[in-house]
Amino acid sequence: MFASQTDASKVALYYLVQFLKKNQISHVDCQQETRHLSSLGAESIPRSQFNQLLAKHKNLPSPVWKPGQLLANGDLAPIDDQSHNK
Protein backbone atom coordinates (compact mmCIF):
# COMPACT_ATOMS: atom_id res chain seq x y z
CA MET A 1 0.00 0.00 0.00
CA PHE A 2 1.08 3.54 -0.57
CA ALA A 3 -0.50 6.94 -0.17
CA SER A 4 0.27 10.55 -0.78
CA GLN A 5 -0.95 11.32 2.76
CA THR A 6 0.59 9.87 5.92
CA ASP A 7 -1.49 7.03 7.38
CA ALA A 8 -4.00 7.04 4.50
CA SER A 9 -3.38 3.32 4.03
CA LYS A 10 -4.54 2.73 7.62
CA VAL A 11 -7.81 4.49 6.88
CA ALA A 12 -8.25 2.50 3.65
CA LEU A 13 -7.62 -0.77 5.49
CA TYR A 14 -10.13 0.18 8.20
CA TYR A 15 -12.83 0.82 5.58
CA LEU A 16 -11.99 -2.44 3.81
CA VAL A 17 -12.22 -4.41 7.06
CA GLN A 18 -15.63 -2.86 7.82
CA PHE A 19 -16.85 -3.88 4.36
CA LEU A 20 -15.51 -7.42 4.83
CA LYS A 21 -17.13 -7.74 8.28
CA LYS A 22 -20.46 -6.57 6.85
CA ASN A 23 -20.12 -9.33 4.24
CA GLN A 24 -19.26 -12.04 6.82
CA ILE A 25 -15.62 -12.31 5.78
CA SER A 26 -13.69 -13.00 8.95
CA HIS A 27 -10.06 -13.01 7.86
CA VAL A 28 -7.63 -11.18 5.59
CA ASP A 29 -4.56 -12.97 4.28
CA CYS A 30 -1.87 -10.30 4.69
CA GLN A 31 0.77 -12.72 3.35
CA GLN A 32 3.54 -11.01 5.31
CA GLU A 33 4.32 -10.49 8.95
CA THR A 34 5.40 -6.89 9.44
CA ARG A 35 5.47 -4.48 12.37
CA HIS A 36 3.13 -2.20 10.44
CA LEU A 37 0.49 -4.91 9.98
CA SER A 38 0.92 -6.04 13.59
CA SER A 39 0.28 -2.46 14.72
CA LEU A 40 -3.05 -2.66 12.88
CA GLY A 41 -4.05 -5.88 14.63
CA ALA A 42 -2.74 -8.54 12.25
CA GLU A 43 -1.64 -11.79 13.84
CA SER A 44 0.28 -14.75 12.48
CA ILE A 45 -1.43 -18.12 12.59
CA PRO A 46 0.02 -21.59 12.06
CA ARG A 47 -0.18 -22.94 8.50
CA SER A 48 -2.46 -25.76 9.69
CA GLN A 49 -4.96 -23.21 11.04
CA PHE A 50 -4.73 -21.19 7.83
CA ASN A 51 -5.42 -24.32 5.78
CA GLN A 52 -8.45 -25.13 7.95
CA LEU A 53 -9.81 -21.59 7.50
CA LEU A 54 -9.21 -21.78 3.76
CA ALA A 55 -10.97 -25.13 3.43
CA LYS A 56 -13.92 -23.84 5.46
CA HIS A 57 -14.36 -20.58 3.55
CA LYS A 58 -13.06 -21.09 0.00
CA ASN A 59 -16.43 -22.06 -1.49
CA LEU A 60 -18.44 -19.26 0.09
CA PRO A 61 -19.79 -16.61 -2.28
CA SER A 62 -17.70 -13.50 -2.83
CA PRO A 63 -19.08 -10.15 -1.77
CA VAL A 64 -20.51 -7.99 -4.54
CA TRP A 65 -17.85 -5.52 -5.64
CA LYS A 66 -19.05 -2.66 -7.78
CA PRO A 67 -18.17 1.00 -8.26
CA GLY A 68 -19.16 2.98 -5.23
CA GLN A 69 -18.05 4.87 -2.18
CA LEU A 70 -16.99 2.65 0.69
CA LEU A 71 -18.47 4.03 3.90
CA ALA A 72 -17.06 3.71 7.43
CA ASN A 73 -19.89 1.36 8.43
CA GLY A 74 -18.95 -1.10 5.67
CA ASP A 75 -21.68 -0.15 3.21
CA LEU A 76 -20.84 0.43 -0.42
CA ALA A 77 -22.82 3.48 -1.54
CA PRO A 78 -23.55 3.69 -5.27
CA ILE A 79 -21.95 6.49 -7.21
CA ASP A 80 -23.68 8.37 -9.95
CA ASP A 81 -22.52 7.15 -13.36
CA GLN A 82 -21.78 10.65 -14.64
CA SER A 83 -19.26 11.42 -11.89
CA HIS A 84 -17.73 7.92 -12.25
CA ASN A 85 -17.05 8.42 -15.97
CA LYS A 86 -15.30 11.79 -15.64
PDB file of N, CA and C in Angstrom:
ATOM      1  N   MET A   1       0.841  -1.185   0.000  1.00  0.00           N
ATOM      2  CA  MET A   1       0.000   0.000   0.000  1.00  0.00           C
ATOM      3  C   MET A   1       0.882   1.242   0.000  1.00  0.00           C
ATOM      4  N   PHE A   2       0.381   2.263  -0.604  1.00  0.00           N
ATOM      5  CA  PHE A   2       1.076   3.540  -0.575  1.00  0.00           C
ATOM      6  C   PHE A   2       0.019   4.635  -0.568  1.00  0.00           C
ATOM      7  N   ALA A   3       0.426   5.814  -0.196  1.00  0.00           N
ATOM      8  CA  ALA A   3      -0.504   6.938  -0.169  1.00  0.00           C
ATOM      9  C   ALA A   3       0.274   8.235  -0.239  1.00  0.00           C
ATOM     10  N   SER A   4      -0.377   9.239  -0.738  1.00  0.00           N
ATOM     11  CA  SER A   4       0.265  10.551  -0.778  1.00  0.00           C
ATOM     12  C   SER A   4       0.098  11.286   0.552  1.00  0.00           C
ATOM     13  N   GLN A   5      -0.741  10.744   1.431  1.00  0.00           N
ATOM     14  CA  GLN A   5      -0.945  11.320   2.760  1.00  0.00           C
ATOM     15  C   GLN A   5      -0.525  10.294   3.819  1.00  0.00           C
ATOM     16  N   THR A   6       0.165  10.747   4.834  1.00  0.00           N
ATOM     17  CA  THR A   6       0.586   9.868   5.917  1.00  0.00           C
ATOM     18  C   THR A   6      -0.621   9.167   6.536  1.00  0.00           C
ATOM     19  N   ASP A   7      -0.486   7.885   6.737  1.00  0.00           N
ATOM     20  CA  ASP A   7      -1.489   7.030   7.376  1.00  0.00           C
ATOM     21  C   ASP A   7      -2.765   6.821   6.561  1.00  0.00           C
ATOM     22  N   ALA A   8      -2.810   7.266   5.318  1.00  0.00           N
ATOM     23  CA  ALA A   8      -3.998   7.043   4.497  1.00  0.00           C
ATOM     24  C   ALA A   8      -4.249   5.549   4.295  1.00  0.00           C
ATOM     25  N   SER A   9      -3.190   4.760   4.219  1.00  0.00           N
ATOM     26  CA  SER A   9      -3.381   3.322   4.030  1.00  0.00           C
ATOM     27  C   SER A   9      -4.084   2.698   5.236  1.00  0.00           C
ATOM     28  N   LYS A  10      -3.865   3.243   6.422  1.00  0.00           N
ATOM     29  CA  LYS A  10      -4.539   2.734   7.621  1.00  0.00           C
ATOM     30  C   LYS A  10      -6.034   2.995   7.537  1.00  0.00           C
ATOM     31  N   VAL A  11      -6.397   4.151   7.036  1.00  0.00           N
ATOM     32  CA  VAL A  11      -7.814   4.490   6.876  1.00  0.00           C
ATOM     33  C   VAL A  11      -8.439   3.577   5.827  1.00  0.00           C
ATOM     34  N   ALA A  12      -7.740   3.379   4.713  1.00  0.00           N
ATOM     35  CA  ALA A  12      -8.248   2.504   3.654  1.00  0.00           C
ATOM     36  C   ALA A  12      -8.442   1.075   4.171  1.00  0.00           C
ATOM     37  N   LEU A  13      -7.497   0.576   4.941  1.00  0.00           N
ATOM     38  CA  LEU A  13      -7.616  -0.771   5.491  1.00  0.00           C
ATOM     39  C   LEU A  13      -8.788  -0.861   6.462  1.00  0.00           C
ATOM     40  N   TYR A  14      -8.994   0.164   7.273  1.00  0.00           N
ATOM     41  CA  TYR A  14     -10.129   0.184   8.203  1.00  0.00           C
ATOM     42  C   TYR A  14     -11.446   0.053   7.424  1.00  0.00           C
ATOM     43  N   TYR A  15     -11.600   0.857   6.374  1.00  0.00           N
ATOM     44  CA  TYR A  15     -12.828   0.819   5.581  1.00  0.00           C
ATOM     45  C   TYR A  15     -13.008  -0.550   4.936  1.00  0.00           C
ATOM     46  N   LEU A  16     -11.921  -1.117   4.410  1.00  0.00           N
ATOM     47  CA  LEU A  16     -11.990  -2.442   3.813  1.00  0.00           C
ATOM     48  C   LEU A  16     -12.436  -3.477   4.836  1.00  0.00           C
ATOM     49  N   VAL A  17     -11.861  -3.439   6.020  1.00  0.00           N
ATOM     50  CA  VAL A  17     -12.220  -4.407   7.060  1.00  0.00           C
ATOM     51  C   VAL A  17     -13.694  -4.265   7.437  1.00  0.00           C
ATOM     52  N   GLN A  18     -14.206  -3.044   7.508  1.00  0.00           N
ATOM     53  CA  GLN A  18     -15.629  -2.856   7.822  1.00  0.00           C
ATOM     54  C   GLN A  18     -16.502  -3.474   6.733  1.00  0.00           C
ATOM     55  N   PHE A  19     -16.109  -3.282   5.471  1.00  0.00           N
ATOM     56  CA  PHE A  19     -16.848  -3.884   4.357  1.00  0.00           C
ATOM     57  C   PHE A  19     -16.813  -5.407   4.452  1.00  0.00           C
ATOM     58  N   LEU A  20     -15.643  -5.964   4.732  1.00  0.00           N
ATOM     59  CA  LEU A  20     -15.514  -7.416   4.832  1.00  0.00           C
ATOM     60  C   LEU A  20     -16.344  -7.969   5.984  1.00  0.00           C
ATOM     61  N   LYS A  21     -16.314  -7.304   7.132  1.00  0.00           N
ATOM     62  CA  LYS A  21     -17.132  -7.741   8.275  1.00  0.00           C
ATOM     63  C   LYS A  21     -18.610  -7.744   7.910  1.00  0.00           C
ATOM     64  N   LYS A  22     -19.056  -6.681   7.246  1.00  0.00           N
ATOM     65  CA  LYS A  22     -20.461  -6.572   6.850  1.00  0.00           C
ATOM     66  C   LYS A  22     -20.845  -7.711   5.904  1.00  0.00           C
ATOM     67  N   ASN A  23     -19.873  -8.239   5.184  1.00  0.00           N
ATOM     68  CA  ASN A  23     -20.117  -9.329   4.241  1.00  0.00           C
ATOM     69  C   ASN A  23     -19.674 -10.685   4.790  1.00  0.00           C
ATOM     70  N   GLN A  24     -19.583 -10.786   6.118  1.00  0.00           N
ATOM     71  CA  GLN A  24     -19.264 -12.035   6.823  1.00  0.00           C
ATOM     72  C   GLN A  24     -17.941 -12.655   6.394  1.00  0.00           C
ATOM     73  N   ILE A  25     -16.966 -11.824   6.068  1.00  0.00           N
ATOM     74  CA  ILE A  25     -15.620 -12.309   5.782  1.00  0.00           C
ATOM     75  C   ILE A  25     -14.780 -12.040   7.019  1.00  0.00           C
ATOM     76  N   SER A  26     -14.288 -13.106   7.618  1.00  0.00           N
ATOM     77  CA  SER A  26     -13.694 -12.997   8.950  1.00  0.00           C
ATOM     78  C   SER A  26     -12.186 -12.823   8.970  1.00  0.00           C
ATOM     79  N   HIS A  27     -11.515 -13.064   7.845  1.00  0.00           N
ATOM     80  CA  HIS A  27     -10.057 -13.014   7.855  1.00  0.00           C
ATOM     81  C   HIS A  27      -9.517 -12.346   6.594  1.00  0.00           C
ATOM     82  N   VAL A  28      -8.356 -11.745   6.727  1.00  0.00           N
ATOM     83  CA  VAL A  28      -7.632 -11.177   5.595  1.00  0.00           C
ATOM     84  C   VAL A  28      -6.260 -11.827   5.564  1.00  0.00           C
ATOM     85  N   ASP A  29      -5.880 -12.368   4.426  1.00  0.00           N
ATOM     86  CA  ASP A  29      -4.556 -12.969   4.276  1.00  0.00           C
ATOM     87  C   ASP A  29      -3.578 -11.852   3.919  1.00  0.00           C
ATOM     88  N   CYS A  30      -2.832 -11.390   4.894  1.00  0.00           N
ATOM     89  CA  CYS A  30      -1.871 -10.297   4.686  1.00  0.00           C
ATOM     90  C   CYS A  30      -0.605 -10.779   3.992  1.00  0.00           C
ATOM     91  N   GLN A  31      -0.344 -12.063   4.019  1.00  0.00           N
ATOM     92  CA  GLN A  31       0.768 -12.722   3.349  1.00  0.00           C
ATOM     93  C   GLN A  31       2.143 -12.405   3.920  1.00  0.00           C
ATOM     94  N   GLN A  32       2.254 -11.372   4.716  1.00  0.00           N
ATOM     95  CA  GLN A  32       3.542 -11.012   5.307  1.00  0.00           C
ATOM     96  C   GLN A  32       3.339 -10.664   6.767  1.00  0.00           C
ATOM     97  N   GLU A  33       4.349 -10.898   7.546  1.00  0.00           N
ATOM     98  CA  GLU A  33       4.325 -10.488   8.946  1.00  0.00           C
ATOM     99  C   GLU A  33       5.242  -9.274   9.084  1.00  0.00           C
ATOM    100  N   THR A  34       4.622  -8.122   9.301  1.00  0.00           N
ATOM    101  CA  THR A  34       5.399  -6.888   9.440  1.00  0.00           C
ATOM    102  C   THR A  34       4.963  -6.158  10.712  1.00  0.00           C
ATOM    103  N   ARG A  35       5.829  -5.288  11.200  1.00  0.00           N
ATOM    104  CA  ARG A  35       5.471  -4.477  12.370  1.00  0.00           C
ATOM    105  C   ARG A  35       4.271  -3.600  12.051  1.00  0.00           C
ATOM    106  N   HIS A  36       4.236  -3.068  10.834  1.00  0.00           N
ATOM    107  CA  HIS A  36       3.125  -2.201  10.437  1.00  0.00           C
ATOM    108  C   HIS A  36       1.793  -2.945  10.524  1.00  0.00           C
ATOM    109  N   LEU A  37       1.733  -4.146   9.931  1.00  0.00           N
ATOM    110  CA  LEU A  37       0.492  -4.913   9.977  1.00  0.00           C
ATOM    111  C   LEU A  37       0.154  -5.336  11.408  1.00  0.00           C
ATOM    112  N   SER A  38       1.162  -5.686  12.184  1.00  0.00           N
ATOM    113  CA  SER A  38       0.925  -6.037  13.592  1.00  0.00           C
ATOM    114  C   SER A  38       0.339  -4.858  14.357  1.00  0.00           C
ATOM    115  N   SER A  39       0.800  -3.647  14.036  1.00  0.00           N
ATOM    116  CA  SER A  39       0.282  -2.456  14.722  1.00  0.00           C
ATOM    117  C   SER A  39      -1.185  -2.213  14.391  1.00  0.00           C
ATOM    118  N   LEU A  40      -1.652  -2.803  13.281  1.00  0.00           N
ATOM    119  CA  LEU A  40      -3.047  -2.659  12.881  1.00  0.00           C
ATOM    120  C   LEU A  40      -3.902  -3.830  13.349  1.00  0.00           C
ATOM    121  N   GLY A  41      -3.300  -4.763  14.075  1.00  0.00           N
ATOM    122  CA  GLY A  41      -4.053  -5.877  14.631  1.00  0.00           C
ATOM    123  C   GLY A  41      -3.838  -7.212  13.954  1.00  0.00           C
ATOM    124  N   ALA A  42      -3.000  -7.263  12.927  1.00  0.00           N
ATOM    125  CA  ALA A  42      -2.742  -8.538  12.246  1.00  0.00           C
ATOM    126  C   ALA A  42      -1.989  -9.489  13.170  1.00  0.00           C
ATOM    127  N   GLU A  43      -2.305 -10.759  13.050  1.00  0.00           N
ATOM    128  CA  GLU A  43      -1.642 -11.794  13.843  1.00  0.00           C
ATOM    129  C   GLU A  43      -1.264 -12.955  12.936  1.00  0.00           C
ATOM    130  N   SER A  44      -0.123 -13.536  13.206  1.00  0.00           N
ATOM    131  CA  SER A  44       0.281 -14.749  12.481  1.00  0.00           C
ATOM    132  C   SER A  44      -0.479 -15.937  13.043  1.00  0.00           C
ATOM    133  N   ILE A  45      -0.798 -16.872  12.161  1.00  0.00           N
ATOM    134  CA  ILE A  45      -1.430 -18.118  12.594  1.00  0.00           C
ATOM    135  C   ILE A  45      -0.645 -19.271  11.977  1.00  0.00           C
ATOM    136  N   PRO A  46      -0.679 -20.431  12.624  1.00  0.00           N
ATOM    137  CA  PRO A  46       0.020 -21.591  12.062  1.00  0.00           C
ATOM    138  C   PRO A  46      -0.577 -21.980  10.700  1.00  0.00           C
ATOM    139  N   ARG A  47       0.267 -22.528   9.836  1.00  0.00           N
ATOM    140  CA  ARG A  47      -0.182 -22.942   8.504  1.00  0.00           C
ATOM    141  C   ARG A  47      -1.372 -23.894   8.596  1.00  0.00           C
ATOM    142  N   SER A  48      -1.355 -24.795   9.560  1.00  0.00           N
ATOM    143  CA  SER A  48      -2.458 -25.758   9.686  1.00  0.00           C
ATOM    144  C   SER A  48      -3.784 -25.031   9.955  1.00  0.00           C
ATOM    145  N   GLN A  49      -3.743 -23.990  10.769  1.00  0.00           N
ATOM    146  CA  GLN A  49      -4.957 -23.215  11.042  1.00  0.00           C
ATOM    147  C   GLN A  49      -5.390 -22.439   9.791  1.00  0.00           C
ATOM    148  N   PHE A  50      -4.424 -21.878   9.074  1.00  0.00           N
ATOM    149  CA  PHE A  50      -4.731 -21.185   7.827  1.00  0.00           C
ATOM    150  C   PHE A  50      -5.401 -22.135   6.841  1.00  0.00           C
ATOM    151  N   ASN A  51      -4.848 -23.338   6.696  1.00  0.00           N
ATOM    152  CA  ASN A  51      -5.419 -24.319   5.776  1.00  0.00           C
ATOM    153  C   ASN A  51      -6.837 -24.715   6.175  1.00  0.00           C
ATOM    154  N   GLN A  52      -7.095 -24.827   7.476  1.00  0.00           N
ATOM    155  CA  GLN A  52      -8.449 -25.128   7.948  1.00  0.00           C
ATOM    156  C   GLN A  52      -9.409 -23.993   7.597  1.00  0.00           C
ATOM    157  N   LEU A  53      -8.976 -22.749   7.829  1.00  0.00           N
ATOM    158  CA  LEU A  53      -9.814 -21.592   7.495  1.00  0.00           C
ATOM    159  C   LEU A  53     -10.086 -21.540   5.991  1.00  0.00           C
ATOM    160  N   LEU A  54      -9.060 -21.794   5.203  1.00  0.00           N
ATOM    161  CA  LEU A  54      -9.205 -21.777   3.756  1.00  0.00           C
ATOM    162  C   LEU A  54     -10.199 -22.845   3.295  1.00  0.00           C
ATOM    163  N   ALA A  55     -10.056 -24.045   3.810  1.00  0.00           N
ATOM    164  CA  ALA A  55     -10.965 -25.133   3.431  1.00  0.00           C
ATOM    165  C   ALA A  55     -12.408 -24.801   3.817  1.00  0.00           C
ATOM    166  N   LYS A  56     -12.582 -24.174   4.958  1.00  0.00           N
ATOM    167  CA  LYS A  56     -13.922 -23.843   5.461  1.00  0.00           C
ATOM    168  C   LYS A  56     -14.578 -22.734   4.644  1.00  0.00           C
ATOM    169  N   HIS A  57     -13.786 -21.784   4.158  1.00  0.00           N
ATOM    170  CA  HIS A  57     -14.357 -20.585   3.549  1.00  0.00           C
ATOM    171  C   HIS A  57     -14.200 -20.468   2.034  1.00  0.00           C
ATOM    172  N   LYS A  58     -13.404 -21.313   1.411  1.00  0.00           N
ATOM    173  CA  LYS A  58     -13.061 -21.092  -0.002  1.00  0.00           C
ATOM    174  C   LYS A  58     -14.242 -21.208  -0.952  1.00  0.00           C
ATOM    175  N   ASN A  59     -15.289 -21.899  -0.589  1.00  0.00           N
ATOM    176  CA  ASN A  59     -16.433 -22.063  -1.491  1.00  0.00           C
ATOM    177  C   ASN A  59     -17.595 -21.129  -1.166  1.00  0.00           C
ATOM    178  N   LEU A  60     -17.387 -20.224  -0.225  1.00  0.00           N
ATOM    179  CA  LEU A  60     -18.440 -19.257   0.089  1.00  0.00           C
ATOM    180  C   LEU A  60     -18.516 -18.214  -1.021  1.00  0.00           C
ATOM    181  N   PRO A  61     -19.685 -17.623  -1.228  1.00  0.00           N
ATOM    182  CA  PRO A  61     -19.794 -16.608  -2.275  1.00  0.00           C
ATOM    183  C   PRO A  61     -18.966 -15.370  -1.945  1.00  0.00           C
ATOM    184  N   SER A  62     -18.455 -14.748  -2.989  1.00  0.00           N
ATOM    185  CA  SER A  62     -17.697 -13.504  -2.830  1.00  0.00           C
ATOM    186  C   SER A  62     -18.662 -12.347  -2.605  1.00  0.00           C
ATOM    187  N   PRO A  63     -18.221 -11.325  -1.895  1.00  0.00           N
ATOM    188  CA  PRO A  63     -19.082 -10.150  -1.767  1.00  0.00           C
ATOM    189  C   PRO A  63     -19.221  -9.467  -3.126  1.00  0.00           C
ATOM    190  N   VAL A  64     -20.288  -8.722  -3.290  1.00  0.00           N
ATOM    191  CA  VAL A  64     -20.515  -7.993  -4.538  1.00  0.00           C
ATOM    192  C   VAL A  64     -19.645  -6.744  -4.535  1.00  0.00           C
ATOM    193  N   TRP A  65     -18.718  -6.687  -5.483  1.00  0.00           N
ATOM    194  CA  TRP A  65     -17.846  -5.521  -5.644  1.00  0.00           C
ATOM    195  C   TRP A  65     -18.337  -4.757  -6.857  1.00  0.00           C
ATOM    196  N   LYS A  66     -18.614  -3.504  -6.671  1.00  0.00           N
ATOM    197  CA  LYS A  66     -19.047  -2.661  -7.777  1.00  0.00           C
ATOM    198  C   LYS A  66     -18.575  -1.241  -7.503  1.00  0.00           C
ATOM    199  N   PRO A  67     -18.587  -0.386  -8.508  1.00  0.00           N
ATOM    200  CA  PRO A  67     -18.171   0.998  -8.255  1.00  0.00           C
ATOM    201  C   PRO A  67     -19.038   1.618  -7.164  1.00  0.00           C
ATOM    202  N   GLY A  68     -18.419   2.342  -6.299  1.00  0.00           N
ATOM    203  CA  GLY A  68     -19.161   2.983  -5.230  1.00  0.00           C
ATOM    204  C   GLY A  68     -18.228   3.640  -4.239  1.00  0.00           C
ATOM    205  N   GLN A  69     -18.819   4.243  -3.261  1.00  0.00           N
ATOM    206  CA  GLN A  69     -18.049   4.865  -2.182  1.00  0.00           C
ATOM    207  C   GLN A  69     -18.157   3.971  -0.963  1.00  0.00           C
ATOM    208  N   LEU A  70     -17.023   3.503  -0.484  1.00  0.00           N
ATOM    209  CA  LEU A  70     -16.991   2.646   0.687  1.00  0.00           C
ATOM    210  C   LEU A  70     -17.141   3.521   1.916  1.00  0.00           C
ATOM    211  N   LEU A  71     -18.164   3.241   2.722  1.00  0.00           N
ATOM    212  CA  LEU A  71     -18.466   4.033   3.899  1.00  0.00           C
ATOM    213  C   LEU A  71     -17.861   3.392   5.143  1.00  0.00           C
ATOM    214  N   ALA A  72     -17.693   4.178   6.192  1.00  0.00           N
ATOM    215  CA  ALA A  72     -17.061   3.712   7.428  1.00  0.00           C
ATOM    216  C   ALA A  72     -17.820   2.575   8.095  1.00  0.00           C
ATOM    217  N   ASN A  73     -19.122   2.451   7.819  1.00  0.00           N
ATOM    218  CA  ASN A  73     -19.893   1.365   8.428  1.00  0.00           C
ATOM    219  C   ASN A  73     -19.845   0.080   7.608  1.00  0.00           C
ATOM    220  N   GLY A  74     -19.093   0.101   6.493  1.00  0.00           N
ATOM    221  CA  GLY A  74     -18.946  -1.095   5.668  1.00  0.00           C
ATOM    222  C   GLY A  74     -19.869  -1.139   4.478  1.00  0.00           C
ATOM    223  N   ASP A  75     -20.797  -0.188   4.369  1.00  0.00           N
ATOM    224  CA  ASP A  75     -21.678  -0.148   3.208  1.00  0.00           C
ATOM    225  C   ASP A  75     -20.921   0.365   1.993  1.00  0.00           C
ATOM    226  N   LEU A  76     -21.377  -0.059   0.834  1.00  0.00           N
ATOM    227  CA  LEU A  76     -20.842   0.432  -0.422  1.00  0.00           C
ATOM    228  C   LEU A  76     -21.946   1.257  -1.072  1.00  0.00           C
ATOM    229  N   ALA A  77     -21.803   2.573  -1.006  1.00  0.00           N
ATOM    230  CA  ALA A  77     -22.816   3.477  -1.542  1.00  0.00           C
ATOM    231  C   ALA A  77     -22.612   3.627  -3.043  1.00  0.00           C
ATOM    232  N   PRO A  78     -23.698   3.532  -3.820  1.00  0.00           N
ATOM    233  CA  PRO A  78     -23.548   3.695  -5.268  1.00  0.00           C
ATOM    234  C   PRO A  78     -23.081   5.103  -5.613  1.00  0.00           C
ATOM    235  N   ILE A  79     -22.359   5.167  -6.718  1.00  0.00           N
ATOM    236  CA  ILE A  79     -21.953   6.490  -7.208  1.00  0.00           C
ATOM    237  C   ILE A  79     -22.729   6.771  -8.477  1.00  0.00           C
ATOM    238  N   ASP A  80     -22.936   8.011  -8.745  1.00  0.00           N
ATOM    239  CA  ASP A  80     -23.685   8.366  -9.953  1.00  0.00           C
ATOM    240  C   ASP A  80     -22.782   8.158 -11.155  1.00  0.00           C
ATOM    241  N   ASP A  81     -23.318   7.528 -12.186  1.00  0.00           N
ATOM    242  CA  ASP A  81     -22.523   7.146 -13.360  1.00  0.00           C
ATOM    243  C   ASP A  81     -21.814   8.317 -14.018  1.00  0.00           C
ATOM    244  N   GLN A  82     -22.415   9.497 -13.995  1.00  0.00           N
ATOM    245  CA  GLN A  82     -21.785  10.648 -14.638  1.00  0.00           C
ATOM    246  C   GLN A  82     -20.492  11.027 -13.936  1.00  0.00           C
ATOM    247  N   SER A  83     -20.479  11.043 -12.611  1.00  0.00           N
ATOM    248  CA  SER A  83     -19.256  11.416 -11.894  1.00  0.00           C
ATOM    249  C   SER A  83     -18.214  10.305 -11.997  1.00  0.00           C
ATOM    250  N   HIS A  84     -18.664   9.038 -12.144  1.00  0.00           N
ATOM    251  CA  HIS A  84     -17.734   7.916 -12.254  1.00  0.00           C
ATOM    252  C   HIS A  84     -17.000   7.931 -13.594  1.00  0.00           C
ATOM    253  N   ASN A  85     -17.638   8.431 -14.633  1.00  0.00           N
ATOM    254  CA  ASN A  85     -17.049   8.422 -15.973  1.00  0.00           C
ATOM    255  C   ASN A  85     -16.210   9.653 -16.291  1.00  0.00           C
ATOM    256  N   LYS A  86     -16.085  10.569 -15.391  1.00  0.00           N
ATOM    257  CA  LYS A  86     -15.304  11.792 -15.645  1.00  0.00           C
ATOM    258  C   LYS A  86     -13.835  11.530 -15.543  1.00  0.00           C
TER     259      LYS A  86
END
